[in-house]
Amino acid sequence: MRILKMYQRLSNEDKANLTTYCTYDSIYDVSRNEEINIDDETVINIQELAHDLYLDDEYRNLSASQIAYFLTECYVKDNSFMEKVKDMDYDDILQAVEDDNYDFYKEEMER
C-alpha cells in the first residue's frame, strides 16, 4: 500500500517517464552485476536505442527493460557494440533479443 501511495504522489512528468526510468534501471542493473561503470553518454545511447526498438516492436511484445538489459549485456561483452549496431535493421536486433543471441551482430558483420 505504501508503494501505491508513493506512485500516486509522483508528478505527471515522472509518471510519463516510468518506462525510461525502468530502462535506466535495467542498464544499471547489468552494470552492477558485471561490476563495471558505464559512462552517462553510453547509458543514454543504450536507453535511446532500447526505446526506439521498443516502439518498433510490433510482434514480439518485448519490454523496453528487457531490450535495454540485452543491449547492455552486449555492450559489456564488447565495448564497441553500440557503434557496430548503429546501422543494423531493428528487426534483426529485436530477433536477437528474443533469441538471446548475443553474437548476432558479429554474424551480421561477416555478411
N, C-alpha and C. Protein backbone atom coordinates (compact mmCIF):
# COMPACT_ATOMS: atom_id res chain seq x y z
N MET A 1 0.83 -1.19 0.00
CA MET A 1 0.00 0.00 0.00
C MET A 1 0.88 1.26 0.00
N ARG A 2 1.99 1.20 0.70
CA ARG A 2 2.88 2.37 0.79
C ARG A 2 3.44 2.73 -0.58
N ILE A 3 3.80 1.72 -1.36
CA ILE A 3 4.34 1.96 -2.70
C ILE A 3 3.27 2.59 -3.60
N LEU A 4 2.04 2.14 -3.47
CA LEU A 4 0.95 2.72 -4.24
C LEU A 4 0.81 4.21 -3.92
N LYS A 5 0.87 4.54 -2.66
CA LYS A 5 0.75 5.95 -2.26
C LYS A 5 1.92 6.76 -2.82
N MET A 6 3.10 6.18 -2.84
CA MET A 6 4.26 6.88 -3.40
C MET A 6 4.05 7.11 -4.90
N TYR A 7 3.53 6.11 -5.58
CA TYR A 7 3.25 6.25 -7.01
C TYR A 7 2.23 7.37 -7.24
N GLN A 8 1.21 7.39 -6.44
CA GLN A 8 0.16 8.39 -6.61
C GLN A 8 0.69 9.81 -6.39
N ARG A 9 1.76 9.95 -5.62
CA ARG A 9 2.35 11.27 -5.37
C ARG A 9 3.35 11.69 -6.45
N LEU A 10 3.68 10.78 -7.36
CA LEU A 10 4.60 11.15 -8.43
C LEU A 10 4.01 12.26 -9.29
N SER A 11 4.87 13.10 -9.78
CA SER A 11 4.40 14.15 -10.69
C SER A 11 3.97 13.51 -12.01
N ASN A 12 3.19 14.24 -12.78
CA ASN A 12 2.77 13.73 -14.09
C ASN A 12 4.00 13.51 -14.98
N GLU A 13 5.00 14.35 -14.85
CA GLU A 13 6.23 14.18 -15.63
C GLU A 13 6.92 12.87 -15.27
N ASP A 14 7.02 12.57 -13.97
CA ASP A 14 7.63 11.30 -13.56
C ASP A 14 6.82 10.11 -14.04
N LYS A 15 5.51 10.19 -13.96
CA LYS A 15 4.67 9.10 -14.44
C LYS A 15 4.85 8.89 -15.94
N ALA A 16 5.03 9.98 -16.68
CA ALA A 16 5.22 9.88 -18.13
C ALA A 16 6.57 9.27 -18.48
N ASN A 17 7.51 9.28 -17.55
CA ASN A 17 8.85 8.78 -17.80
C ASN A 17 9.15 7.44 -17.14
N LEU A 18 8.16 6.75 -16.65
CA LEU A 18 8.38 5.49 -15.94
C LEU A 18 9.07 4.44 -16.81
N THR A 19 8.71 4.35 -18.08
CA THR A 19 9.36 3.38 -18.96
C THR A 19 10.84 3.71 -19.10
N THR A 20 11.15 4.98 -19.24
CA THR A 20 12.55 5.40 -19.35
C THR A 20 13.30 5.08 -18.06
N TYR A 21 12.69 5.35 -16.92
CA TYR A 21 13.32 5.03 -15.63
C TYR A 21 13.61 3.53 -15.52
N CYS A 22 12.64 2.72 -15.94
CA CYS A 22 12.84 1.27 -15.88
C CYS A 22 13.96 0.83 -16.82
N THR A 23 14.06 1.49 -17.96
CA THR A 23 15.13 1.18 -18.90
C THR A 23 16.49 1.50 -18.27
N TYR A 24 16.58 2.67 -17.67
CA TYR A 24 17.83 3.04 -16.97
C TYR A 24 18.13 2.04 -15.86
N ASP A 25 17.12 1.62 -15.14
CA ASP A 25 17.31 0.66 -14.06
C ASP A 25 17.89 -0.65 -14.60
N SER A 26 17.42 -1.10 -15.75
CA SER A 26 17.95 -2.33 -16.36
C SER A 26 19.41 -2.16 -16.74
N ILE A 27 19.75 -1.02 -17.30
CA ILE A 27 21.13 -0.75 -17.70
C ILE A 27 22.04 -0.77 -16.48
N TYR A 28 21.63 -0.08 -15.43
CA TYR A 28 22.46 -0.03 -14.23
C TYR A 28 22.47 -1.37 -13.48
N ASP A 29 21.42 -2.16 -13.64
CA ASP A 29 21.40 -3.50 -13.04
C ASP A 29 22.49 -4.37 -13.66
N VAL A 30 22.60 -4.35 -14.97
CA VAL A 30 23.67 -5.10 -15.64
C VAL A 30 25.02 -4.56 -15.20
N SER A 31 25.14 -3.26 -15.16
CA SER A 31 26.40 -2.63 -14.75
C SER A 31 26.82 -3.10 -13.36
N ARG A 32 25.88 -3.12 -12.43
CA ARG A 32 26.18 -3.60 -11.06
C ARG A 32 26.55 -5.07 -11.07
N ASN A 33 25.78 -5.87 -11.79
CA ASN A 33 26.04 -7.32 -11.84
C ASN A 33 27.41 -7.64 -12.42
N GLU A 34 27.82 -6.87 -13.41
CA GLU A 34 29.09 -7.10 -14.08
C GLU A 34 30.24 -6.31 -13.43
N GLU A 35 29.87 -5.52 -12.43
CA GLU A 35 30.85 -4.70 -11.69
C GLU A 35 31.67 -3.80 -12.61
N ILE A 36 30.95 -3.12 -13.50
CA ILE A 36 31.59 -2.14 -14.37
C ILE A 36 30.84 -0.81 -14.28
N ASN A 37 31.52 0.25 -14.63
CA ASN A 37 30.89 1.56 -14.70
C ASN A 37 30.66 1.88 -16.17
N ILE A 38 29.47 2.31 -16.48
CA ILE A 38 29.14 2.73 -17.84
C ILE A 38 28.96 4.24 -17.80
N ASP A 39 29.65 4.92 -18.70
CA ASP A 39 29.56 6.39 -18.71
C ASP A 39 28.16 6.84 -19.12
N ASP A 40 27.82 8.07 -18.72
CA ASP A 40 26.48 8.60 -18.95
C ASP A 40 26.10 8.62 -20.43
N GLU A 41 27.04 8.97 -21.29
CA GLU A 41 26.73 9.03 -22.72
C GLU A 41 26.33 7.65 -23.25
N THR A 42 27.03 6.63 -22.83
CA THR A 42 26.69 5.27 -23.26
C THR A 42 25.35 4.84 -22.68
N VAL A 43 25.10 5.18 -21.44
CA VAL A 43 23.79 4.85 -20.83
C VAL A 43 22.67 5.49 -21.64
N ILE A 44 22.84 6.74 -22.00
CA ILE A 44 21.82 7.44 -22.79
C ILE A 44 21.66 6.79 -24.16
N ASN A 45 22.77 6.44 -24.80
CA ASN A 45 22.71 5.80 -26.12
C ASN A 45 21.99 4.46 -26.06
N ILE A 46 22.28 3.68 -25.03
CA ILE A 46 21.61 2.38 -24.86
C ILE A 46 20.12 2.60 -24.61
N GLN A 47 19.80 3.54 -23.75
CA GLN A 47 18.40 3.83 -23.44
C GLN A 47 17.64 4.27 -24.69
N GLU A 48 18.24 5.15 -25.47
CA GLU A 48 17.56 5.65 -26.67
C GLU A 48 17.35 4.54 -27.69
N LEU A 49 18.36 3.70 -27.88
CA LEU A 49 18.20 2.57 -28.81
C LEU A 49 17.14 1.60 -28.29
N ALA A 50 17.18 1.30 -27.01
CA ALA A 50 16.18 0.40 -26.42
C ALA A 50 14.77 0.97 -26.60
N HIS A 51 14.62 2.26 -26.39
CA HIS A 51 13.31 2.90 -26.54
C HIS A 51 12.84 2.83 -28.00
N ASP A 52 13.73 3.14 -28.93
CA ASP A 52 13.37 3.07 -30.35
C ASP A 52 12.97 1.65 -30.76
N LEU A 53 13.75 0.68 -30.28
CA LEU A 53 13.43 -0.72 -30.58
C LEU A 53 12.08 -1.12 -29.96
N TYR A 54 11.85 -0.69 -28.75
CA TYR A 54 10.60 -0.97 -28.05
C TYR A 54 9.41 -0.43 -28.86
N LEU A 55 9.55 0.78 -29.35
CA LEU A 55 8.47 1.38 -30.13
C LEU A 55 8.29 0.68 -31.48
N ASP A 56 9.38 0.15 -32.03
CA ASP A 56 9.34 -0.51 -33.33
C ASP A 56 8.86 -1.96 -33.25
N ASP A 57 8.85 -2.53 -32.07
CA ASP A 57 8.48 -3.93 -31.87
C ASP A 57 6.98 -4.11 -32.03
N GLU A 58 6.60 -4.72 -33.15
CA GLU A 58 5.17 -4.90 -33.43
C GLU A 58 4.65 -6.29 -33.06
N TYR A 59 5.56 -7.27 -32.98
CA TYR A 59 5.09 -8.66 -32.86
C TYR A 59 5.60 -9.40 -31.64
N ARG A 60 6.71 -9.00 -31.10
CA ARG A 60 7.36 -9.80 -30.06
C ARG A 60 6.92 -9.43 -28.65
N ASN A 61 6.39 -8.26 -28.47
CA ASN A 61 5.96 -7.78 -27.15
C ASN A 61 7.08 -7.77 -26.12
N LEU A 62 8.26 -7.36 -26.55
CA LEU A 62 9.39 -7.23 -25.64
C LEU A 62 9.25 -5.93 -24.86
N SER A 63 9.66 -5.95 -23.62
CA SER A 63 9.60 -4.72 -22.82
C SER A 63 10.84 -3.87 -23.10
N ALA A 64 10.74 -2.58 -22.87
CA ALA A 64 11.88 -1.69 -23.03
C ALA A 64 13.00 -2.11 -22.08
N SER A 65 12.64 -2.55 -20.89
CA SER A 65 13.63 -3.01 -19.92
C SER A 65 14.36 -4.25 -20.40
N GLN A 66 13.62 -5.18 -20.95
CA GLN A 66 14.22 -6.41 -21.47
C GLN A 66 15.20 -6.10 -22.61
N ILE A 67 14.81 -5.20 -23.48
CA ILE A 67 15.67 -4.80 -24.59
C ILE A 67 16.91 -4.11 -24.07
N ALA A 68 16.75 -3.20 -23.11
CA ALA A 68 17.89 -2.47 -22.54
C ALA A 68 18.85 -3.42 -21.85
N TYR A 69 18.31 -4.38 -21.13
CA TYR A 69 19.15 -5.37 -20.44
C TYR A 69 20.02 -6.11 -21.45
N PHE A 70 19.39 -6.57 -22.54
CA PHE A 70 20.11 -7.29 -23.59
C PHE A 70 21.19 -6.42 -24.22
N LEU A 71 20.83 -5.20 -24.60
CA LEU A 71 21.80 -4.29 -25.22
C LEU A 71 22.98 -4.02 -24.30
N THR A 72 22.69 -3.85 -23.02
CA THR A 72 23.75 -3.59 -22.06
C THR A 72 24.66 -4.80 -21.91
N GLU A 73 24.08 -5.98 -21.88
CA GLU A 73 24.89 -7.21 -21.83
C GLU A 73 25.82 -7.28 -23.04
N CYS A 74 25.30 -6.94 -24.22
CA CYS A 74 26.13 -6.93 -25.43
C CYS A 74 27.25 -5.90 -25.30
N TYR A 75 26.92 -4.74 -24.76
CA TYR A 75 27.93 -3.70 -24.59
C TYR A 75 29.02 -4.14 -23.61
N VAL A 76 28.63 -4.80 -22.54
CA VAL A 76 29.59 -5.29 -21.55
C VAL A 76 30.54 -6.29 -22.18
N LYS A 77 30.02 -7.14 -23.06
CA LYS A 77 30.85 -8.15 -23.72
C LYS A 77 31.76 -7.54 -24.79
N ASP A 78 31.33 -6.41 -25.37
CA ASP A 78 32.08 -5.76 -26.45
C ASP A 78 31.79 -4.26 -26.40
N ASN A 79 32.75 -3.50 -25.89
CA ASN A 79 32.55 -2.06 -25.72
C ASN A 79 32.32 -1.31 -27.03
N SER A 80 32.60 -1.93 -28.15
CA SER A 80 32.35 -1.28 -29.44
C SER A 80 30.98 -1.67 -30.00
N PHE A 81 30.20 -2.39 -29.23
CA PHE A 81 28.90 -2.89 -29.66
C PHE A 81 27.99 -1.79 -30.20
N MET A 82 27.86 -0.69 -29.49
CA MET A 82 26.92 0.35 -29.89
C MET A 82 27.28 0.92 -31.27
N GLU A 83 28.54 1.03 -31.56
CA GLU A 83 28.96 1.51 -32.87
C GLU A 83 28.65 0.47 -33.95
N LYS A 84 28.83 -0.78 -33.62
CA LYS A 84 28.63 -1.86 -34.59
C LYS A 84 27.17 -2.05 -34.98
N VAL A 85 26.25 -1.75 -34.08
CA VAL A 85 24.83 -1.97 -34.39
C VAL A 85 24.12 -0.70 -34.84
N LYS A 86 24.86 0.37 -34.94
CA LYS A 86 24.28 1.67 -35.26
C LYS A 86 23.39 1.64 -36.51
N ASP A 87 23.83 0.94 -37.54
CA ASP A 87 23.09 0.95 -38.80
C ASP A 87 22.37 -0.38 -39.08
N MET A 88 22.25 -1.22 -38.07
CA MET A 88 21.59 -2.50 -38.27
C MET A 88 20.07 -2.34 -38.32
N ASP A 89 19.45 -3.27 -38.99
CA ASP A 89 18.00 -3.31 -39.07
C ASP A 89 17.42 -3.63 -37.69
N TYR A 90 16.43 -2.87 -37.28
CA TYR A 90 15.83 -3.06 -35.95
C TYR A 90 15.24 -4.45 -35.79
N ASP A 91 14.68 -5.00 -36.85
CA ASP A 91 14.09 -6.33 -36.74
C ASP A 91 15.15 -7.38 -36.40
N ASP A 92 16.35 -7.22 -36.96
CA ASP A 92 17.44 -8.15 -36.65
C ASP A 92 17.83 -8.07 -35.17
N ILE A 93 17.85 -6.85 -34.65
CA ILE A 93 18.21 -6.67 -33.24
C ILE A 93 17.11 -7.25 -32.35
N LEU A 94 15.87 -6.97 -32.67
CA LEU A 94 14.76 -7.50 -31.88
C LEU A 94 14.72 -9.02 -31.89
N GLN A 95 15.03 -9.60 -33.03
CA GLN A 95 15.08 -11.06 -33.12
C GLN A 95 16.19 -11.59 -32.21
N ALA A 96 17.31 -10.91 -32.18
CA ALA A 96 18.42 -11.32 -31.31
C ALA A 96 18.02 -11.23 -29.84
N VAL A 97 17.28 -10.19 -29.48
CA VAL A 97 16.81 -10.06 -28.10
C VAL A 97 15.91 -11.24 -27.77
N GLU A 98 14.99 -11.52 -28.65
CA GLU A 98 14.06 -12.62 -28.41
C GLU A 98 14.79 -13.97 -28.30
N ASP A 99 15.83 -14.15 -29.09
CA ASP A 99 16.58 -15.41 -29.11
C ASP A 99 17.74 -15.46 -28.12
N ASP A 100 17.97 -14.37 -27.40
CA ASP A 100 19.15 -14.27 -26.51
C ASP A 100 20.44 -14.58 -27.28
N ASN A 101 20.53 -14.04 -28.48
CA ASN A 101 21.69 -14.26 -29.35
C ASN A 101 22.64 -13.08 -29.22
N TYR A 102 23.59 -13.20 -28.31
CA TYR A 102 24.50 -12.09 -28.03
C TYR A 102 25.57 -11.90 -29.11
N ASP A 103 25.66 -12.81 -30.04
CA ASP A 103 26.65 -12.70 -31.10
C ASP A 103 26.03 -12.31 -32.44
N PHE A 104 24.77 -11.94 -32.45
CA PHE A 104 24.06 -11.66 -33.69
C PHE A 104 24.76 -10.63 -34.56
N TYR A 105 25.29 -9.60 -33.97
CA TYR A 105 25.89 -8.52 -34.76
C TYR A 105 27.21 -8.95 -35.39
N LYS A 106 27.87 -9.91 -34.79
CA LYS A 106 29.11 -10.44 -35.36
C LYS A 106 28.79 -11.22 -36.63
N GLU A 107 27.70 -11.96 -36.58
CA GLU A 107 27.24 -12.72 -37.74
C GLU A 107 26.86 -11.77 -38.87
N GLU A 108 26.17 -10.67 -38.52
CA GLU A 108 25.75 -9.68 -39.50
C GLU A 108 26.95 -9.02 -40.17
N MET A 109 27.98 -8.75 -39.41
CA MET A 109 29.15 -8.07 -39.94
C MET A 109 29.95 -8.97 -40.89
N GLU A 110 29.85 -10.26 -40.71
CA GLU A 110 30.58 -11.21 -41.56
C GLU A 110 29.96 -11.29 -42.95
N ARG A 111 28.70 -10.91 -43.07
CA ARG A 111 27.99 -10.99 -44.37
C ARG A 111 28.48 -9.93 -45.32
